[in-house]
Amino acid sequence: MSAGGAFGGNRGVRPVPPEKGVFPLDHLHECDLEKKDYLACLKSTGFQSEKCRQFSKKYLECRMERNLMAKQDMSELGFRNLDEMDTAPDENGKLESPPNEPKEKK
């Protein structure tokens, strides 16, 4: 029999968790509201995740605040200022006004 144990496991060696990609489950449902908002947004937009980024950001922030994942700057996770993202050029090459400002009437 090998020195690794009955089922081939290496006994006595502690597993090392990966740096990213795996984090504790939310057993206490601390971020359920944020998760449900994000999933509802995905369903309502035909699963176009770029339209639900603000909900994704809120969910990740909730997880970080409750130590369910490592704290990181949101820019490292692909988030910039939401106003910058919402002001993409339109078909005429002009910038649209941010959602919280009224558009000019022609």
N, C-alpha and C. Protein backbone atom coordinates (compact mmCIF):
# COMPACT_ATOMS: atom_id res chain seq x y z
N MET A 1 0.84 -1.17 0.00
CA MET A 1 0.00 0.00 0.00
C MET A 1 0.89 1.24 0.00
N SER A 2 0.46 2.31 -0.64
CA SER A 2 1.27 3.52 -0.72
C SER A 2 1.20 4.32 0.57
N ALA A 3 2.11 5.25 0.72
CA ALA A 3 2.16 6.07 1.93
C ALA A 3 1.11 7.17 1.92
N GLY A 4 0.33 7.26 0.87
CA GLY A 4 -0.64 8.34 0.74
C GLY A 4 -1.96 8.09 1.43
N GLY A 5 -2.19 6.93 1.96
CA GLY A 5 -3.46 6.66 2.63
C GLY A 5 -4.29 5.66 1.84
N ALA A 6 -5.40 5.26 2.41
CA ALA A 6 -6.24 4.21 1.82
C ALA A 6 -6.83 4.61 0.47
N PHE A 7 -7.15 5.88 0.29
CA PHE A 7 -7.78 6.30 -0.96
C PHE A 7 -6.86 7.19 -1.80
N GLY A 8 -5.58 7.12 -1.54
CA GLY A 8 -4.63 7.88 -2.34
C GLY A 8 -4.42 9.30 -1.88
N GLY A 9 -5.09 9.72 -0.82
CA GLY A 9 -4.92 11.08 -0.33
C GLY A 9 -3.59 11.25 0.37
N ASN A 10 -3.10 12.45 0.41
CA ASN A 10 -1.83 12.73 1.05
C ASN A 10 -2.11 13.25 2.45
N ARG A 11 -2.05 12.38 3.44
CA ARG A 11 -2.38 12.76 4.81
C ARG A 11 -1.23 13.55 5.44
N GLY A 12 -1.62 14.55 6.24
CA GLY A 12 -0.62 15.33 6.94
C GLY A 12 -0.22 16.60 6.20
N VAL A 13 -0.53 16.72 4.94
CA VAL A 13 -0.22 17.92 4.17
C VAL A 13 -1.47 18.78 4.11
N ARG A 14 -1.34 20.04 4.54
CA ARG A 14 -2.49 20.94 4.55
C ARG A 14 -2.73 21.49 3.15
N PRO A 15 -3.96 21.48 2.68
CA PRO A 15 -4.24 22.04 1.36
C PRO A 15 -4.10 23.56 1.38
N VAL A 16 -3.67 24.12 0.27
CA VAL A 16 -3.51 25.56 0.15
C VAL A 16 -4.61 26.06 -0.79
N PRO A 17 -5.47 26.99 -0.32
CA PRO A 17 -6.54 27.47 -1.19
C PRO A 17 -5.98 28.34 -2.33
N PRO A 18 -6.66 28.37 -3.45
CA PRO A 18 -6.21 29.22 -4.56
C PRO A 18 -6.35 30.69 -4.18
N GLU A 19 -5.55 31.54 -4.85
CA GLU A 19 -5.59 32.96 -4.56
C GLU A 19 -6.93 33.57 -4.92
N LYS A 20 -7.45 33.23 -6.09
CA LYS A 20 -8.73 33.78 -6.54
C LYS A 20 -9.59 32.66 -7.09
N GLY A 21 -10.87 32.96 -7.24
CA GLY A 21 -11.76 32.00 -7.88
C GLY A 21 -12.58 31.17 -6.93
N VAL A 22 -12.10 30.97 -5.71
CA VAL A 22 -12.85 30.19 -4.73
C VAL A 22 -12.93 31.04 -3.47
N PHE A 23 -14.13 31.18 -2.95
CA PHE A 23 -14.32 31.96 -1.73
C PHE A 23 -15.45 31.34 -0.93
N PRO A 24 -15.56 31.69 0.35
CA PRO A 24 -16.58 31.06 1.19
C PRO A 24 -18.00 31.28 0.66
N LEU A 25 -18.81 30.26 0.81
CA LEU A 25 -20.22 30.38 0.44
C LEU A 25 -20.93 31.27 1.45
N ASP A 26 -21.98 31.89 1.01
CA ASP A 26 -22.76 32.80 1.86
C ASP A 26 -23.81 31.98 2.62
N HIS A 27 -23.36 31.17 3.57
CA HIS A 27 -24.26 30.29 4.30
C HIS A 27 -25.32 31.05 5.09
N LEU A 28 -24.99 32.26 5.54
CA LEU A 28 -25.93 33.04 6.34
C LEU A 28 -26.80 33.95 5.48
N HIS A 29 -26.66 33.85 4.18
CA HIS A 29 -27.48 34.62 3.21
C HIS A 29 -27.37 36.12 3.44
N GLU A 30 -26.16 36.58 3.75
CA GLU A 30 -25.94 37.99 4.03
C GLU A 30 -26.07 38.87 2.79
N CYS A 31 -25.81 38.31 1.63
CA CYS A 31 -25.85 39.10 0.39
C CYS A 31 -26.93 38.60 -0.57
N ASP A 32 -27.96 37.96 -0.02
CA ASP A 32 -29.03 37.43 -0.88
C ASP A 32 -29.77 38.52 -1.65
N LEU A 33 -30.03 39.65 -1.04
CA LEU A 33 -30.77 40.72 -1.71
C LEU A 33 -29.99 41.19 -2.94
N GLU A 34 -28.69 41.42 -2.78
CA GLU A 34 -27.85 41.87 -3.89
C GLU A 34 -27.79 40.80 -4.99
N LYS A 35 -27.69 39.54 -4.58
CA LYS A 35 -27.65 38.45 -5.54
C LYS A 35 -28.96 38.36 -6.33
N LYS A 36 -30.08 38.47 -5.62
CA LYS A 36 -31.38 38.39 -6.29
C LYS A 36 -31.60 39.57 -7.23
N ASP A 37 -31.15 40.76 -6.83
CA ASP A 37 -31.26 41.93 -7.71
C ASP A 37 -30.47 41.71 -9.00
N TYR A 38 -29.26 41.18 -8.86
CA TYR A 38 -28.41 40.92 -10.03
C TYR A 38 -29.04 39.87 -10.94
N LEU A 39 -29.53 38.78 -10.36
CA LEU A 39 -30.15 37.73 -11.18
C LEU A 39 -31.42 38.22 -11.86
N ALA A 40 -32.20 39.04 -11.16
CA ALA A 40 -33.42 39.60 -11.77
C ALA A 40 -33.05 40.52 -12.93
N CYS A 41 -31.99 41.30 -12.76
CA CYS A 41 -31.54 42.17 -13.85
C CYS A 41 -31.11 41.34 -15.05
N LEU A 42 -30.36 40.28 -14.81
CA LEU A 42 -29.92 39.42 -15.91
C LEU A 42 -31.12 38.85 -16.67
N LYS A 43 -32.11 38.37 -15.95
CA LYS A 43 -33.29 37.80 -16.60
C LYS A 43 -34.04 38.85 -17.40
N SER A 44 -34.16 40.07 -16.85
CA SER A 44 -34.94 41.11 -17.52
C SER A 44 -34.22 41.69 -18.75
N THR A 45 -32.90 41.52 -18.82
CA THR A 45 -32.15 42.06 -19.96
C THR A 45 -31.73 40.98 -20.94
N GLY A 46 -32.28 39.79 -20.80
CA GLY A 46 -31.89 38.70 -21.69
C GLY A 46 -30.47 38.25 -21.45
N PHE A 47 -30.04 38.27 -20.19
CA PHE A 47 -28.72 37.81 -19.77
C PHE A 47 -27.58 38.60 -20.41
N GLN A 48 -27.79 39.91 -20.57
CA GLN A 48 -26.74 40.80 -21.05
C GLN A 48 -26.07 41.41 -19.82
N SER A 49 -25.00 40.80 -19.38
CA SER A 49 -24.38 41.17 -18.10
C SER A 49 -23.87 42.60 -18.07
N GLU A 50 -23.49 43.16 -19.21
CA GLU A 50 -22.99 44.54 -19.21
C GLU A 50 -24.05 45.53 -18.77
N LYS A 51 -25.32 45.19 -18.93
CA LYS A 51 -26.40 46.08 -18.50
C LYS A 51 -26.69 45.95 -17.00
N CYS A 52 -26.06 44.99 -16.35
CA CYS A 52 -26.32 44.74 -14.93
C CYS A 52 -25.07 44.95 -14.07
N ARG A 53 -24.11 45.67 -14.59
CA ARG A 53 -22.84 45.84 -13.88
C ARG A 53 -23.01 46.50 -12.51
N GLN A 54 -23.94 47.44 -12.39
CA GLN A 54 -24.11 48.11 -11.10
C GLN A 54 -24.57 47.11 -10.03
N PHE A 55 -25.38 46.11 -10.42
CA PHE A 55 -25.83 45.10 -9.47
C PHE A 55 -24.69 44.13 -9.13
N SER A 56 -23.89 43.80 -10.12
CA SER A 56 -22.74 42.94 -9.89
C SER A 56 -21.77 43.62 -8.94
N LYS A 57 -21.54 44.90 -9.12
CA LYS A 57 -20.63 45.66 -8.25
C LYS A 57 -21.16 45.68 -6.82
N LYS A 58 -22.47 45.91 -6.65
CA LYS A 58 -23.05 45.93 -5.30
C LYS A 58 -22.92 44.57 -4.62
N TYR A 59 -23.09 43.50 -5.39
CA TYR A 59 -22.96 42.15 -4.84
C TYR A 59 -21.53 41.90 -4.37
N LEU A 60 -20.56 42.26 -5.20
CA LEU A 60 -19.16 42.05 -4.82
C LEU A 60 -18.78 42.91 -3.61
N GLU A 61 -19.27 44.14 -3.58
CA GLU A 61 -19.00 45.01 -2.43
C GLU A 61 -19.59 44.41 -1.15
N CYS A 62 -20.78 43.85 -1.25
CA CYS A 62 -21.42 43.21 -0.09
C CYS A 62 -20.55 42.06 0.40
N ARG A 63 -20.07 41.23 -0.49
CA ARG A 63 -19.23 40.09 -0.11
C ARG A 63 -17.94 40.55 0.56
N MET A 64 -17.35 41.62 0.02
CA MET A 64 -16.10 42.12 0.61
C MET A 64 -16.35 42.70 2.01
N GLU A 65 -17.46 43.43 2.17
CA GLU A 65 -17.78 44.03 3.47
C GLU A 65 -17.99 42.97 4.54
N ARG A 66 -18.47 41.81 4.16
CA ARG A 66 -18.77 40.75 5.12
C ARG A 66 -17.70 39.67 5.15
N ASN A 67 -16.54 39.98 4.59
CA ASN A 67 -15.39 39.06 4.57
C ASN A 67 -15.70 37.72 3.92
N LEU A 68 -16.54 37.73 2.91
CA LEU A 68 -16.83 36.52 2.14
C LEU A 68 -15.91 36.42 0.92
N MET A 69 -15.13 37.45 0.71
CA MET A 69 -14.07 37.42 -0.31
C MET A 69 -13.05 38.48 0.07
N ALA A 70 -11.87 38.36 -0.49
CA ALA A 70 -10.80 39.31 -0.18
C ALA A 70 -11.17 40.71 -0.67
N LYS A 71 -10.81 41.71 0.12
CA LYS A 71 -11.08 43.09 -0.27
C LYS A 71 -10.10 43.49 -1.37
N GLN A 72 -10.65 44.05 -2.44
CA GLN A 72 -9.86 44.52 -3.57
C GLN A 72 -10.45 45.80 -4.08
N ASP A 73 -9.63 46.59 -4.72
CA ASP A 73 -10.12 47.80 -5.37
C ASP A 73 -11.01 47.36 -6.53
N MET A 74 -12.14 48.03 -6.69
CA MET A 74 -13.09 47.63 -7.73
C MET A 74 -12.48 47.75 -9.13
N SER A 75 -11.52 48.65 -9.31
CA SER A 75 -10.89 48.78 -10.63
C SER A 75 -10.10 47.51 -10.97
N GLU A 76 -9.61 46.80 -9.96
CA GLU A 76 -8.91 45.53 -10.19
C GLU A 76 -9.87 44.42 -10.61
N LEU A 77 -11.14 44.62 -10.35
CA LEU A 77 -12.16 43.62 -10.71
C LEU A 77 -12.89 44.01 -11.99
N GLY A 78 -12.39 45.02 -12.68
CA GLY A 78 -12.97 45.40 -13.97
C GLY A 78 -14.01 46.50 -13.90
N PHE A 79 -14.11 47.17 -12.75
CA PHE A 79 -15.09 48.24 -12.61
C PHE A 79 -14.39 49.59 -12.62
N ARG A 80 -14.96 50.50 -13.37
CA ARG A 80 -14.51 51.90 -13.36
C ARG A 80 -15.65 52.71 -12.79
N ASN A 81 -15.52 54.01 -12.89
CA ASN A 81 -16.61 54.89 -12.50
C ASN A 81 -17.82 54.56 -13.38
N LEU A 82 -18.97 54.29 -12.79
CA LEU A 82 -20.16 53.90 -13.56
C LEU A 82 -20.60 54.99 -14.52
N ASP A 83 -20.40 56.27 -14.16
CA ASP A 83 -20.77 57.35 -15.07
C ASP A 83 -19.96 57.30 -16.35
N GLU A 84 -18.67 56.91 -16.25
CA GLU A 84 -17.84 56.80 -17.44
C GLU A 84 -18.35 55.70 -18.36
N MET A 85 -18.83 54.60 -17.77
CA MET A 85 -19.30 53.47 -18.57
C MET A 85 -20.64 53.79 -19.24
N ASP A 86 -21.48 54.57 -18.58
CA ASP A 86 -22.80 54.86 -19.11
C ASP A 86 -22.79 55.96 -20.15
N THR A 87 -21.66 56.60 -20.34
CA THR A 87 -21.59 57.70 -21.30
C THR A 87 -20.85 57.27 -22.55
N ALA A 88 -21.30 56.20 -23.14
CA ALA A 88 -20.69 55.72 -24.38
C ALA A 88 -21.18 56.57 -25.55
N PRO A 89 -20.35 56.71 -26.59
CA PRO A 89 -20.78 57.50 -27.74
C PRO A 89 -22.00 56.87 -28.43
N ASP A 90 -22.91 57.71 -28.92
CA ASP A 90 -24.05 57.20 -29.66
C ASP A 90 -23.67 57.01 -31.12
N GLU A 91 -24.65 56.73 -31.96
CA GLU A 91 -24.35 56.45 -33.37
C GLU A 91 -23.77 57.66 -34.11
N ASN A 92 -23.98 58.87 -33.60
CA ASN A 92 -23.44 60.07 -34.22
C ASN A 92 -22.06 60.43 -33.68
N GLY A 93 -21.53 59.62 -32.76
CA GLY A 93 -20.24 59.88 -32.17
C GLY A 93 -20.28 60.85 -31.01
N LYS A 94 -21.49 61.28 -30.60
CA LYS A 94 -21.63 62.21 -29.48
C LYS A 94 -21.83 61.40 -28.20
N LEU A 95 -21.35 61.95 -27.11
CA LEU A 95 -21.53 61.28 -25.82
C LEU A 95 -22.94 61.48 -25.32
N GLU A 96 -23.52 60.41 -24.82
CA GLU A 96 -24.84 60.51 -24.20
C GLU A 96 -24.65 61.09 -22.81
N SER A 97 -25.68 61.78 -22.31
CA SER A 97 -25.58 62.31 -20.96
C SER A 97 -25.72 61.16 -19.97
N PRO A 98 -25.09 61.28 -18.80
CA PRO A 98 -25.25 60.23 -17.79
C PRO A 98 -26.72 60.06 -17.43
N PRO A 99 -27.12 58.89 -16.97
CA PRO A 99 -28.54 58.59 -16.69
C PRO A 99 -29.18 59.52 -15.68
N ASN A 100 -28.40 60.12 -14.78
CA ASN A 100 -29.00 60.97 -13.77
C ASN A 100 -29.16 62.41 -14.24
N GLU A 101 -28.72 62.73 -15.46
CA GLU A 101 -28.89 64.07 -16.00
C GLU A 101 -29.86 64.00 -17.19
N PRO A 102 -30.79 64.96 -17.30
CA PRO A 102 -31.72 64.94 -18.43
C PRO A 102 -31.00 65.24 -19.75
N LYS A 103 -31.45 64.59 -20.82
CA LYS A 103 -30.86 64.83 -22.13
C LYS A 103 -31.41 66.15 -22.68
N GLU A 104 -30.59 66.80 -23.51
CA GLU A 104 -31.02 68.06 -24.10
C GLU A 104 -32.09 67.82 -25.14
N LYS A 105 -33.07 68.70 -25.22
CA LYS A 105 -34.12 68.60 -26.23
C LYS A 105 -33.66 69.30 -27.49
N LYS A 106 -34.00 68.72 -28.64
CA LYS A 106 -33.58 69.29 -29.92
C LYS A 106 -34.63 70.23 -30.48
